[in-house]
């Protein structure tokens, strides 16, 4: 379940934030905010579907997925290919997310 929810949440969050970016930085119409806000609301709803014992832990583990999805967005939508440092950083973040999500609890 988590492996599906986190990527969907990342897409929703990035799309919502990009709508604001488009409006404020790219000169797009304020109407971009309507789907942007809906996308951000969907993001928040999706994160509540992660089976975690604490919201903070679910959000922290999500951070690694968000970083990787952001780099994928940068490549696919903005046409900027991630470099070696981006890839290494993303792998480190995913490793940290795995430790947070899957680590033993007392």
Foldseek 3Di string as FASTA:
>chain_A
DLVVLLLLLLVLQVQLVVLVCCVPPVVDDPVSNVSSVVSNVVSVVSLVPDPDPDSVLSVQLSVLVNLVVVQVCCCPPVVDHDDPVSVVVSVVSNVVSCCSVPPDDD
